[in-house]
Structures are given as structure tokens and as C-alpha cells.
């Protein structure tokens, strides 16, 4: 089994690594259990016999780990929000989401320092309390990490501290009272 790792930096550069050694994969998976601390300051070190690369966590926008292994037991995934990265082809397709009873679907595009953008499909159960819905909307920037699924298997980890903004389509029906109401030009 192989694992592909892509580190996307705030310089909008992607650095790719591959691992096929089962013991090294097991060590990587074990470290994912602490993924909430991944962007907390300690550098990310990726090493091999040929070279070692050290990434400042503040300069990492996303880390994607592509594999056919089920990683959900290794990474904390919120039960009420499922984010799945869209392929460029899926991103180009027209989208119409919204509320269907207690469930919602939306397209969320995340933008990061340096120009990296990530388009995701968001699916989940709408929180009953308005205060919880508003907190979910504004708390993404405050989380230590945001996880998402990759379209071909595996998971991605976003660094909210490198995120500059995100766009929700269709627009969120519940906005904070101090939100500015205006149409994009």
C-alpha cells in the first residue's frame, strides 16, 4: 500500500512525497491522531535517506494524504460537517445546493495566503439552534485544523491560520446581526 503526501505552502507551492514502507506508514497514521496540534508551531519534518525537508507550520496551507486506507479513525472529523475536495472538473460544473429539511449541501471555496484555493462540497445536518449555526460559520478561523476528504481517497488537513477567507454557495441563510449585506460586483 502506498501513501502520497502533498504539502501545499502559503507560497502556493506543492511539495509531494511518497511512502510505501508499512512501518513508516503506520508511524505516519499514528501521528495523524495528533493532527489537531499539527499547525500549532512545531515544524513539520519530512525525511528520507536522500534529503530532509522542514516546513514552518505557519507557511503550510494544506496537507493532503492520498491513500486507499480508511483514515477516519486517525483524524478527528466533525460529525455534523462532511467536507470533500472537488476535482477541477467538478468545480467547473454549475452548483445548486441549499437546505433539504434538516440537511444542507453547499460549495465552500477556501482561500489561503499565497493564492492557494480549495473547492469543497459541504454536507451536513443543520444545527437546530441559531447560536450554534452562527458559531459554526465564524469559528472555522479559530479551529486548530479543518479536515476534508480527498476525491480519490484519503484526507486533507487545512491550516485555518493560513486561511484568508472562504465563500459559501448558496449564501448562508442565517447571518450574524453585524454582517454586512451586499451583492458581489
N, C-alpha and C. Protein backbone atom coordinates (compact mmCIF):
# COMPACT_ATOMS: atom_id res chain seq x y z
N UNK A 1 0.85 -1.17 0.00
CA UNK A 1 0.00 0.00 0.00
C UNK A 1 0.90 1.23 0.00
N UNK A 2 0.52 2.22 -0.75
CA UNK A 2 1.29 3.47 -0.85
C UNK A 2 0.48 4.63 -0.29
N UNK A 3 1.20 5.60 0.21
CA UNK A 3 0.61 6.84 0.70
C UNK A 3 1.32 7.98 -0.01
N UNK A 4 0.55 8.88 -0.58
CA UNK A 4 1.11 10.09 -1.20
C UNK A 4 0.79 11.27 -0.30
N UNK A 5 1.80 12.07 -0.03
CA UNK A 5 1.65 13.23 0.84
C UNK A 5 1.97 14.47 0.02
N UNK A 6 1.08 15.46 0.07
CA UNK A 6 1.31 16.73 -0.60
C UNK A 6 1.23 17.83 0.45
N UNK A 7 2.29 18.61 0.55
CA UNK A 7 2.31 19.76 1.44
C UNK A 7 2.18 21.00 0.56
N UNK A 8 1.11 21.77 0.76
CA UNK A 8 0.86 22.98 -0.03
C UNK A 8 1.16 24.16 0.88
N UNK A 9 2.07 25.01 0.43
CA UNK A 9 2.52 26.12 1.27
C UNK A 9 1.81 27.42 0.91
N UNK A 10 1.99 28.41 1.77
CA UNK A 10 1.40 29.72 1.53
C UNK A 10 2.12 30.46 0.42
N UNK A 11 3.19 29.89 -0.13
CA UNK A 11 3.82 30.42 -1.34
C UNK A 11 3.16 29.80 -2.57
N UNK A 12 2.06 29.06 -2.35
CA UNK A 12 1.30 28.36 -3.38
C UNK A 12 2.18 27.36 -4.13
N UNK A 13 3.00 26.66 -3.38
CA UNK A 13 3.85 25.61 -3.92
C UNK A 13 3.40 24.29 -3.31
N UNK A 14 3.41 23.25 -4.11
CA UNK A 14 3.04 21.91 -3.63
C UNK A 14 4.28 21.03 -3.68
N UNK A 15 4.59 20.43 -2.56
CA UNK A 15 5.72 19.50 -2.47
C UNK A 15 5.14 18.12 -2.20
N UNK A 16 5.50 17.15 -3.05
CA UNK A 16 4.91 15.81 -2.96
C UNK A 16 5.94 14.79 -2.46
N UNK A 17 5.42 13.84 -1.67
CA UNK A 17 6.23 12.77 -1.11
C UNK A 17 5.44 11.48 -1.22
N UNK A 18 6.15 10.35 -1.28
CA UNK A 18 5.51 9.04 -1.35
C UNK A 18 6.13 8.13 -0.31
N UNK A 19 5.28 7.29 0.29
CA UNK A 19 5.76 6.31 1.25
C UNK A 19 5.11 4.97 0.95
N UNK A 20 5.92 3.91 0.87
CA UNK A 20 5.40 2.57 0.63
C UNK A 20 5.76 1.60 1.75
N UNK A 21 6.67 1.99 2.63
CA UNK A 21 7.10 1.14 3.73
C UNK A 21 5.99 1.06 4.79
N UNK A 22 5.55 -0.16 5.11
CA UNK A 22 4.42 -0.33 6.03
C UNK A 22 4.69 0.24 7.42
N UNK A 23 5.90 0.08 7.93
CA UNK A 23 6.22 0.60 9.27
C UNK A 23 6.19 2.13 9.26
N UNK A 24 6.70 2.74 8.21
CA UNK A 24 6.67 4.21 8.12
C UNK A 24 5.25 4.72 7.94
N UNK A 25 4.44 4.00 7.19
CA UNK A 25 3.03 4.37 7.03
C UNK A 25 2.31 4.28 8.37
N UNK A 26 2.58 3.23 9.14
CA UNK A 26 1.96 3.08 10.46
C UNK A 26 2.36 4.24 11.37
N UNK A 27 3.62 4.66 11.31
CA UNK A 27 4.08 5.80 12.12
C UNK A 27 3.37 7.08 11.69
N UNK A 28 3.22 7.29 10.37
CA UNK A 28 2.50 8.45 9.85
C UNK A 28 1.05 8.46 10.33
N UNK A 29 0.38 7.30 10.24
CA UNK A 29 -1.01 7.21 10.67
C UNK A 29 -1.14 7.47 12.17
N UNK A 30 -0.21 6.98 12.94
CA UNK A 30 -0.25 7.23 14.39
C UNK A 30 -0.11 8.72 14.68
N UNK A 31 0.76 9.41 13.92
CA UNK A 31 0.95 10.85 14.14
C UNK A 31 -0.30 11.64 13.76
N UNK A 32 -1.14 11.11 12.86
CA UNK A 32 -2.37 11.80 12.47
C UNK A 32 -3.36 11.90 13.63
N UNK A 33 -3.23 11.03 14.62
CA UNK A 33 -4.11 11.10 15.78
C UNK A 33 -3.90 12.40 16.55
N UNK A 34 -2.76 13.05 16.33
CA UNK A 34 -2.46 14.34 16.95
C UNK A 34 -2.55 15.47 15.92
N UNK A 35 -3.35 15.28 14.89
CA UNK A 35 -3.42 16.25 13.81
C UNK A 35 -3.95 17.61 14.25
N UNK A 36 -4.69 17.66 15.34
CA UNK A 36 -5.19 18.95 15.84
C UNK A 36 -4.04 19.86 16.27
N UNK A 37 -2.89 19.28 16.61
CA UNK A 37 -1.73 20.08 17.00
C UNK A 37 -0.75 20.30 15.84
N UNK A 38 -1.09 19.81 14.68
CA UNK A 38 -0.17 19.85 13.54
C UNK A 38 0.29 21.25 13.18
N UNK A 39 -0.59 22.24 13.28
CA UNK A 39 -0.26 23.61 12.88
C UNK A 39 0.01 24.52 14.09
N UNK A 40 0.36 23.92 15.22
CA UNK A 40 0.50 24.70 16.45
C UNK A 40 1.88 25.30 16.66
N UNK A 41 2.79 25.14 15.77
CA UNK A 41 4.08 25.80 15.93
C UNK A 41 5.28 24.93 15.66
N UNK A 42 5.25 23.67 16.06
CA UNK A 42 6.38 22.78 15.84
C UNK A 42 6.51 22.52 14.34
N UNK A 43 7.71 22.63 13.77
CA UNK A 43 7.86 22.43 12.32
C UNK A 43 7.48 21.01 11.88
N UNK A 44 7.03 20.90 10.65
CA UNK A 44 6.76 19.60 10.03
C UNK A 44 8.04 19.15 9.35
N UNK A 45 8.51 17.97 9.70
CA UNK A 45 9.75 17.44 9.13
C UNK A 45 9.40 16.21 8.32
N UNK A 46 9.80 16.19 7.05
CA UNK A 46 9.62 15.04 6.17
C UNK A 46 11.01 14.63 5.72
N UNK A 47 11.40 13.40 6.08
CA UNK A 47 12.76 12.98 5.79
C UNK A 47 12.84 11.67 5.05
N UNK A 48 13.94 11.51 4.35
CA UNK A 48 14.26 10.27 3.66
C UNK A 48 15.77 10.13 3.67
N UNK A 49 16.28 9.05 3.13
CA UNK A 49 17.73 8.87 3.06
C UNK A 49 18.36 9.94 2.17
N UNK A 50 17.63 10.39 1.17
CA UNK A 50 18.17 11.36 0.22
C UNK A 50 18.13 12.80 0.69
N UNK A 51 17.13 13.16 1.48
CA UNK A 51 17.03 14.55 1.95
C UNK A 51 16.01 14.67 3.07
N UNK A 52 16.08 15.79 3.77
CA UNK A 52 15.13 16.12 4.82
C UNK A 52 14.60 17.51 4.52
N UNK A 53 13.27 17.66 4.57
CA UNK A 53 12.66 18.97 4.38
C UNK A 53 11.95 19.36 5.65
N UNK A 54 12.11 20.63 6.03
CA UNK A 54 11.50 21.15 7.24
C UNK A 54 10.60 22.31 6.83
N UNK A 55 9.31 22.23 7.22
CA UNK A 55 8.32 23.25 6.88
C UNK A 55 7.91 24.00 8.14
N UNK A 56 7.94 25.32 8.08
CA UNK A 56 7.38 26.13 9.16
C UNK A 56 5.87 25.95 9.11
N UNK A 57 5.25 25.62 10.23
CA UNK A 57 3.81 25.34 10.22
C UNK A 57 3.00 26.56 9.79
N UNK A 58 3.51 27.76 10.07
CA UNK A 58 2.77 28.96 9.67
C UNK A 58 2.76 29.14 8.16
N UNK A 59 3.65 28.45 7.45
CA UNK A 59 3.69 28.58 5.99
C UNK A 59 2.99 27.42 5.28
N UNK A 60 2.30 26.56 6.02
CA UNK A 60 1.57 25.44 5.41
C UNK A 60 0.10 25.82 5.29
N UNK A 61 -0.43 25.76 4.07
CA UNK A 61 -1.86 26.00 3.84
C UNK A 61 -2.65 24.70 4.05
N UNK A 62 -2.20 23.63 3.40
CA UNK A 62 -2.89 22.34 3.49
C UNK A 62 -1.88 21.21 3.41
N UNK A 63 -2.27 20.09 3.97
CA UNK A 63 -1.54 18.83 3.81
C UNK A 63 -2.56 17.81 3.33
N UNK A 64 -2.24 17.13 2.23
CA UNK A 64 -3.15 16.12 1.69
C UNK A 64 -2.46 14.76 1.71
N UNK A 65 -3.17 13.78 2.24
CA UNK A 65 -2.64 12.43 2.35
C UNK A 65 -3.56 11.52 1.55
N UNK A 66 -3.09 11.16 0.36
CA UNK A 66 -3.91 10.35 -0.54
C UNK A 66 -3.56 8.88 -0.38
N UNK A 67 -4.60 8.09 -0.13
CA UNK A 67 -4.42 6.66 0.07
C UNK A 67 -5.77 5.98 -0.03
N UNK A 68 -5.74 4.69 -0.22
CA UNK A 68 -6.97 3.91 -0.22
C UNK A 68 -7.32 3.43 1.20
N UNK A 69 -6.41 3.66 2.15
CA UNK A 69 -6.68 3.29 3.54
C UNK A 69 -7.76 4.20 4.12
N UNK A 70 -8.55 3.67 5.05
CA UNK A 70 -9.56 4.46 5.74
C UNK A 70 -8.87 5.23 6.86
N UNK A 71 -8.81 6.54 6.74
CA UNK A 71 -8.10 7.37 7.71
C UNK A 71 -9.02 8.01 8.74
N UNK A 72 -10.32 7.74 8.66
CA UNK A 72 -11.26 8.41 9.56
C UNK A 72 -11.02 8.07 11.02
N UNK A 73 -10.45 6.93 11.32
CA UNK A 73 -10.17 6.60 12.72
C UNK A 73 -8.92 7.31 13.23
N UNK A 74 -8.15 7.91 12.33
CA UNK A 74 -6.91 8.57 12.72
C UNK A 74 -7.03 10.09 12.82
N UNK A 75 -8.05 10.66 12.16
CA UNK A 75 -8.21 12.11 12.13
C UNK A 75 -9.59 12.47 12.65
N UNK A 76 -9.65 13.47 13.50
CA UNK A 76 -10.93 13.93 14.04
C UNK A 76 -11.72 14.61 12.93
N UNK A 77 -12.87 14.06 12.60
CA UNK A 77 -13.75 14.62 11.58
C UNK A 77 -15.06 15.00 12.25
N UNK A 78 -15.46 16.27 12.14
CA UNK A 78 -16.71 16.68 12.79
C UNK A 78 -17.89 15.85 12.28
N UNK A 79 -18.74 15.36 13.19
CA UNK A 79 -19.85 14.52 12.76
C UNK A 79 -20.94 15.29 12.00
N UNK A 80 -21.04 16.60 12.19
CA UNK A 80 -22.12 17.35 11.57
C UNK A 80 -21.71 18.05 10.27
N UNK A 81 -20.44 17.91 9.86
CA UNK A 81 -19.99 18.58 8.63
C UNK A 81 -19.02 17.68 7.89
N UNK A 82 -19.39 17.32 6.68
CA UNK A 82 -18.53 16.49 5.83
C UNK A 82 -18.06 17.38 4.67
N UNK A 83 -16.75 17.63 4.61
CA UNK A 83 -16.15 18.40 3.52
C UNK A 83 -15.42 17.44 2.59
N UNK A 84 -15.67 17.55 1.30
CA UNK A 84 -14.99 16.73 0.31
C UNK A 84 -14.42 17.65 -0.77
N UNK A 85 -13.12 17.55 -1.01
CA UNK A 85 -12.48 18.36 -2.06
C UNK A 85 -13.07 17.96 -3.41
N UNK A 86 -13.30 18.94 -4.25
CA UNK A 86 -13.81 18.70 -5.59
C UNK A 86 -12.66 18.69 -6.59
N UNK A 87 -12.78 17.87 -7.61
CA UNK A 87 -11.80 17.88 -8.69
C UNK A 87 -12.00 19.15 -9.51
N UNK A 88 -11.03 19.56 -10.31
CA UNK A 88 -11.24 20.75 -11.16
C UNK A 88 -12.47 20.62 -12.06
N UNK A 89 -12.73 19.42 -12.55
CA UNK A 89 -13.90 19.20 -13.40
C UNK A 89 -15.19 19.41 -12.61
N UNK A 90 -15.24 18.88 -11.39
CA UNK A 90 -16.42 19.06 -10.54
C UNK A 90 -16.60 20.53 -10.16
N UNK A 91 -15.50 21.21 -9.91
CA UNK A 91 -15.56 22.64 -9.53
C UNK A 91 -16.12 23.49 -10.65
N UNK A 92 -15.90 23.09 -11.90
CA UNK A 92 -16.35 23.86 -13.05
C UNK A 92 -17.84 23.66 -13.34
N UNK A 93 -18.43 22.61 -12.78
CA UNK A 93 -19.85 22.33 -13.01
C UNK A 93 -20.73 23.31 -12.24
N UNK A 94 -21.89 23.66 -12.80
CA UNK A 94 -22.83 24.51 -12.05
C UNK A 94 -23.24 23.81 -10.75
N UNK A 95 -23.52 24.60 -9.74
CA UNK A 95 -23.87 24.03 -8.44
C UNK A 95 -25.13 24.65 -7.91
N UNK A 96 -25.99 23.81 -7.37
CA UNK A 96 -27.17 24.32 -6.65
C UNK A 96 -27.34 23.45 -5.42
N UNK A 97 -27.10 24.04 -4.30
CA UNK A 97 -27.26 23.33 -3.04
C UNK A 97 -28.32 24.04 -2.23
N UNK A 98 -28.31 23.84 -0.96
CA UNK A 98 -29.24 24.51 -0.08
C UNK A 98 -29.74 23.58 1.00
N UNK A 99 -30.85 23.95 1.58
CA UNK A 99 -31.44 23.18 2.68
C UNK A 99 -32.48 22.21 2.14
N UNK A 100 -32.43 20.98 2.61
CA UNK A 100 -33.47 19.99 2.34
C UNK A 100 -33.83 19.40 3.70
N UNK A 101 -34.83 19.98 4.33
CA UNK A 101 -35.19 19.58 5.69
C UNK A 101 -34.11 20.02 6.66
N UNK A 102 -33.58 19.06 7.42
CA UNK A 102 -32.51 19.36 8.37
C UNK A 102 -31.12 19.25 7.74
N UNK A 103 -31.04 18.82 6.50
CA UNK A 103 -29.75 18.60 5.85
C UNK A 103 -29.42 19.75 4.90
N UNK A 104 -28.13 20.00 4.73
CA UNK A 104 -27.71 21.05 3.80
C UNK A 104 -26.59 20.53 2.92
N UNK A 105 -26.50 21.12 1.74
CA UNK A 105 -25.35 20.93 0.86
C UNK A 105 -24.94 22.32 0.39
N UNK A 106 -23.65 22.53 0.34
CA UNK A 106 -23.12 23.83 -0.10
C UNK A 106 -21.76 23.60 -0.72
N UNK A 107 -21.35 24.53 -1.52
CA UNK A 107 -19.99 24.55 -2.04
C UNK A 107 -19.25 25.60 -1.23
N UNK A 108 -18.13 25.20 -0.65
CA UNK A 108 -17.31 26.16 0.10
C UNK A 108 -15.94 26.21 -0.57
N UNK A 109 -15.56 27.42 -0.96
CA UNK A 109 -14.23 27.62 -1.54
C UNK A 109 -13.38 28.33 -0.50
N UNK A 110 -12.27 27.69 -0.14
CA UNK A 110 -11.35 28.24 0.85
C UNK A 110 -10.18 28.90 0.13
N UNK A 111 -9.79 30.06 0.60
CA UNK A 111 -8.67 30.81 0.02
C UNK A 111 -7.60 30.98 1.09
N UNK A 112 -6.35 30.82 0.68
CA UNK A 112 -5.23 30.84 1.61
C UNK A 112 -4.22 31.92 1.22
N UNK A 113 -3.45 32.36 2.20
CA UNK A 113 -2.35 33.29 1.93
C UNK A 113 -1.47 32.67 0.84
N UNK A 114 -1.06 33.46 -0.11
CA UNK A 114 -0.23 32.98 -1.20
C UNK A 114 -1.00 32.57 -2.44
N UNK A 115 -2.34 32.49 -2.34
CA UNK A 115 -3.13 32.24 -3.53
C UNK A 115 -3.71 30.84 -3.69
N UNK A 116 -3.36 29.90 -2.84
CA UNK A 116 -3.95 28.56 -2.96
C UNK A 116 -5.44 28.64 -2.69
N UNK A 117 -6.23 27.91 -3.49
CA UNK A 117 -7.67 27.83 -3.29
C UNK A 117 -8.08 26.36 -3.29
N UNK A 118 -9.05 26.04 -2.45
CA UNK A 118 -9.55 24.68 -2.32
C UNK A 118 -11.07 24.73 -2.39
N UNK A 119 -11.64 24.03 -3.35
CA UNK A 119 -13.09 23.99 -3.51
C UNK A 119 -13.60 22.68 -2.93
N UNK A 120 -14.60 22.79 -2.05
CA UNK A 120 -15.13 21.60 -1.39
C UNK A 120 -16.65 21.55 -1.50
N UNK A 121 -17.17 20.35 -1.38
CA UNK A 121 -18.60 20.13 -1.22
C UNK A 121 -18.81 19.92 0.27
N UNK A 122 -19.70 20.70 0.86
CA UNK A 122 -20.01 20.58 2.28
C UNK A 122 -21.39 19.96 2.42
N UNK A 123 -21.49 18.93 3.24
CA UNK A 123 -22.76 18.26 3.51
C UNK A 123 -22.87 18.07 5.01
N UNK A 124 -24.07 18.23 5.53
CA UNK A 124 -24.23 18.03 6.96
C UNK A 124 -25.64 18.21 7.42
N UNK A 125 -25.79 18.14 8.74
CA UNK A 125 -27.07 18.32 9.39
C UNK A 125 -27.07 19.72 9.99
N UNK A 126 -28.11 20.46 9.69
CA UNK A 126 -28.22 21.84 10.17
C UNK A 126 -28.49 21.83 11.67
N UNK A 127 -27.71 22.60 12.40
CA UNK A 127 -27.91 22.72 13.84
C UNK A 127 -29.25 23.38 14.11
N UNK A 128 -29.94 22.93 15.15
CA UNK A 128 -31.27 23.46 15.47
C UNK A 128 -31.20 24.88 16.01
N UNK A 129 -30.22 25.18 16.83
CA UNK A 129 -30.14 26.49 17.48
C UNK A 129 -29.40 27.49 16.60
N UNK A 130 -29.96 28.67 16.45
CA UNK A 130 -29.34 29.73 15.65
C UNK A 130 -27.94 30.05 16.15
N UNK A 131 -27.76 30.11 17.44
CA UNK A 131 -26.44 30.44 18.01
C UNK A 131 -25.39 29.42 17.57
N UNK A 132 -25.75 28.15 17.52
CA UNK A 132 -24.81 27.10 17.08
C UNK A 132 -24.49 27.25 15.60
N UNK A 133 -25.49 27.60 14.78
CA UNK A 133 -25.25 27.79 13.34
C UNK A 133 -24.32 28.96 13.11
N UNK A 134 -24.52 30.05 13.83
CA UNK A 134 -23.66 31.22 13.68
C UNK A 134 -22.25 30.92 14.16
N UNK A 135 -22.12 30.16 15.25
CA UNK A 135 -20.79 29.80 15.76
C UNK A 135 -20.06 28.92 14.74
N UNK A 136 -20.76 27.98 14.11
CA UNK A 136 -20.13 27.15 13.09
C UNK A 136 -19.62 28.00 11.93
N UNK A 137 -20.36 29.02 11.57
CA UNK A 137 -19.99 29.89 10.46
C UNK A 137 -18.72 30.68 10.76
N UNK A 138 -18.60 31.18 11.96
CA UNK A 138 -17.48 32.07 12.28
C UNK A 138 -16.29 31.37 12.94
N UNK A 139 -16.47 30.16 13.42
CA UNK A 139 -15.39 29.51 14.18
C UNK A 139 -14.36 28.79 13.34
N UNK A 140 -14.55 28.68 12.04
CA UNK A 140 -13.57 27.97 11.22
C UNK A 140 -12.17 28.56 11.34
N UNK A 141 -12.06 29.89 11.44
CA UNK A 141 -10.76 30.53 11.55
C UNK A 141 -10.10 30.25 12.90
N UNK A 142 -10.89 29.87 13.88
CA UNK A 142 -10.37 29.67 15.23
C UNK A 142 -10.00 28.22 15.53
N UNK A 143 -10.36 27.32 14.67
CA UNK A 143 -10.07 25.90 14.91
C UNK A 143 -8.58 25.63 14.72
N UNK A 144 -8.06 24.61 15.37
CA UNK A 144 -6.64 24.30 15.19
C UNK A 144 -6.35 23.66 13.83
N UNK A 145 -7.38 23.01 13.23
CA UNK A 145 -7.22 22.31 11.96
C UNK A 145 -8.62 22.00 11.43
N UNK A 146 -8.77 21.98 10.11
CA UNK A 146 -10.03 21.59 9.48
C UNK A 146 -9.71 20.45 8.53
N UNK A 147 -10.41 19.33 8.69
CA UNK A 147 -10.15 18.17 7.85
C UNK A 147 -11.16 18.09 6.71
N UNK A 148 -10.74 17.45 5.62
CA UNK A 148 -11.62 17.22 4.48
C UNK A 148 -11.21 15.93 3.80
N UNK A 149 -12.13 15.37 3.05
CA UNK A 149 -11.87 14.14 2.31
C UNK A 149 -11.35 14.49 0.92
N UNK A 150 -10.49 13.63 0.40
CA UNK A 150 -9.98 13.80 -0.96
C UNK A 150 -10.86 13.01 -1.92
N UNK A 151 -11.04 13.49 -3.14
CA UNK A 151 -11.96 12.82 -4.06
C UNK A 151 -11.56 11.39 -4.44
N UNK A 152 -10.26 11.07 -4.37
CA UNK A 152 -9.81 9.74 -4.77
C UNK A 152 -9.34 8.90 -3.59
N UNK A 153 -9.76 9.29 -2.38
CA UNK A 153 -9.39 8.55 -1.18
C UNK A 153 -8.31 9.26 -0.39
N UNK A 154 -8.49 9.27 0.89
CA UNK A 154 -7.54 9.93 1.77
C UNK A 154 -8.16 11.17 2.39
N UNK A 155 -7.32 11.93 3.09
CA UNK A 155 -7.81 13.11 3.79
C UNK A 155 -6.87 14.29 3.56
N UNK A 156 -7.42 15.47 3.77
CA UNK A 156 -6.64 16.69 3.74
C UNK A 156 -6.81 17.42 5.05
N UNK A 157 -5.82 18.21 5.41
CA UNK A 157 -5.83 18.98 6.63
C UNK A 157 -5.55 20.43 6.27
N UNK A 158 -6.49 21.33 6.60
CA UNK A 158 -6.32 22.76 6.33
C UNK A 158 -5.77 23.45 7.57
N UNK A 159 -4.91 24.42 7.32
CA UNK A 159 -4.41 25.28 8.39
C UNK A 159 -5.27 26.54 8.42
N UNK A 160 -6.20 26.66 9.37
CA UNK A 160 -7.08 27.84 9.41
C UNK A 160 -6.32 29.16 9.60
N UNK A 161 -5.11 29.09 10.17
CA UNK A 161 -4.33 30.31 10.39
C UNK A 161 -3.72 30.83 9.09
N UNK A 162 -3.68 29.99 8.05
CA UNK A 162 -3.20 30.42 6.74
C UNK A 162 -4.36 30.80 5.82
N UNK A 163 -5.59 30.56 6.29
CA UNK A 163 -6.79 30.85 5.51
C UNK A 163 -7.07 32.36 5.55
N UNK A 164 -7.38 32.93 4.38
CA UNK A 164 -7.70 34.36 4.34
C UNK A 164 -9.21 34.60 4.27
N UNK A 165 -9.95 33.69 3.64
CA UNK A 165 -11.40 33.82 3.54
C UNK A 165 -11.97 32.53 3.00
N UNK A 166 -13.30 32.42 3.07
CA UNK A 166 -13.99 31.32 2.40
C UNK A 166 -15.32 31.84 1.89
N UNK A 167 -15.80 31.22 0.81
CA UNK A 167 -17.05 31.61 0.17
C UNK A 167 -17.99 30.42 0.18
N UNK A 168 -19.22 30.65 0.65
CA UNK A 168 -20.24 29.61 0.74
C UNK A 168 -21.28 29.86 -0.35
N UNK A 169 -21.57 28.83 -1.15
CA UNK A 169 -22.58 28.91 -2.19
C UNK A 169 -23.55 27.76 -2.01
N UNK A 170 -24.85 27.99 -1.94
CA UNK A 170 -25.51 29.28 -1.88
C UNK A 170 -25.21 29.97 -0.54
N UNK A 171 -25.54 31.24 -0.47
CA UNK A 171 -25.25 32.03 0.72
C UNK A 171 -25.90 31.44 1.97
N UNK A 172 -25.25 31.65 3.10
CA UNK A 172 -25.77 31.16 4.38
C UNK A 172 -27.08 31.87 4.71
N UNK A 173 -28.13 31.13 5.07
CA UNK A 173 -29.42 31.78 5.35
C UNK A 173 -29.44 32.55 6.67
N UNK A 174 -28.56 32.17 7.58
CA UNK A 174 -28.51 32.83 8.90
C UNK A 174 -27.18 33.54 9.03
N UNK A 175 -27.23 34.86 9.17
CA UNK A 175 -26.01 35.65 9.31
C UNK A 175 -26.01 36.37 10.65
N UNK A 176 -24.83 36.65 11.19
CA UNK A 176 -24.77 37.44 12.43
C UNK A 176 -25.39 38.82 12.20
N UNK A 177 -25.90 39.42 13.26
CA UNK A 177 -26.57 40.72 13.14
C UNK A 177 -25.63 41.82 12.66
N UNK A 178 -24.32 41.66 12.85
CA UNK A 178 -23.38 42.68 12.42
C UNK A 178 -22.78 42.40 11.03
N UNK A 179 -23.32 41.39 10.31
CA UNK A 179 -22.84 41.09 8.97
C UNK A 179 -23.22 42.21 8.00
N UNK A 180 -22.36 42.47 7.04
CA UNK A 180 -22.65 43.47 6.02
C UNK A 180 -23.43 42.78 4.90
N UNK A 181 -24.54 43.35 4.49
CA UNK A 181 -25.35 42.79 3.43
C UNK A 181 -25.04 43.53 2.14
N UNK A 182 -24.51 42.80 1.15
CA UNK A 182 -24.17 43.39 -0.14
C UNK A 182 -23.98 42.27 -1.16
N UNK A 183 -24.26 42.58 -2.43
CA UNK A 183 -24.09 41.62 -3.51
C UNK A 183 -22.70 41.75 -4.11
N UNK A 184 -22.07 40.63 -4.55
CA UNK A 184 -20.77 40.74 -5.21
C UNK A 184 -20.91 41.49 -6.54
N UNK A 185 -19.92 42.30 -6.85
CA UNK A 185 -19.96 43.08 -8.09
C UNK A 185 -19.21 42.39 -9.20
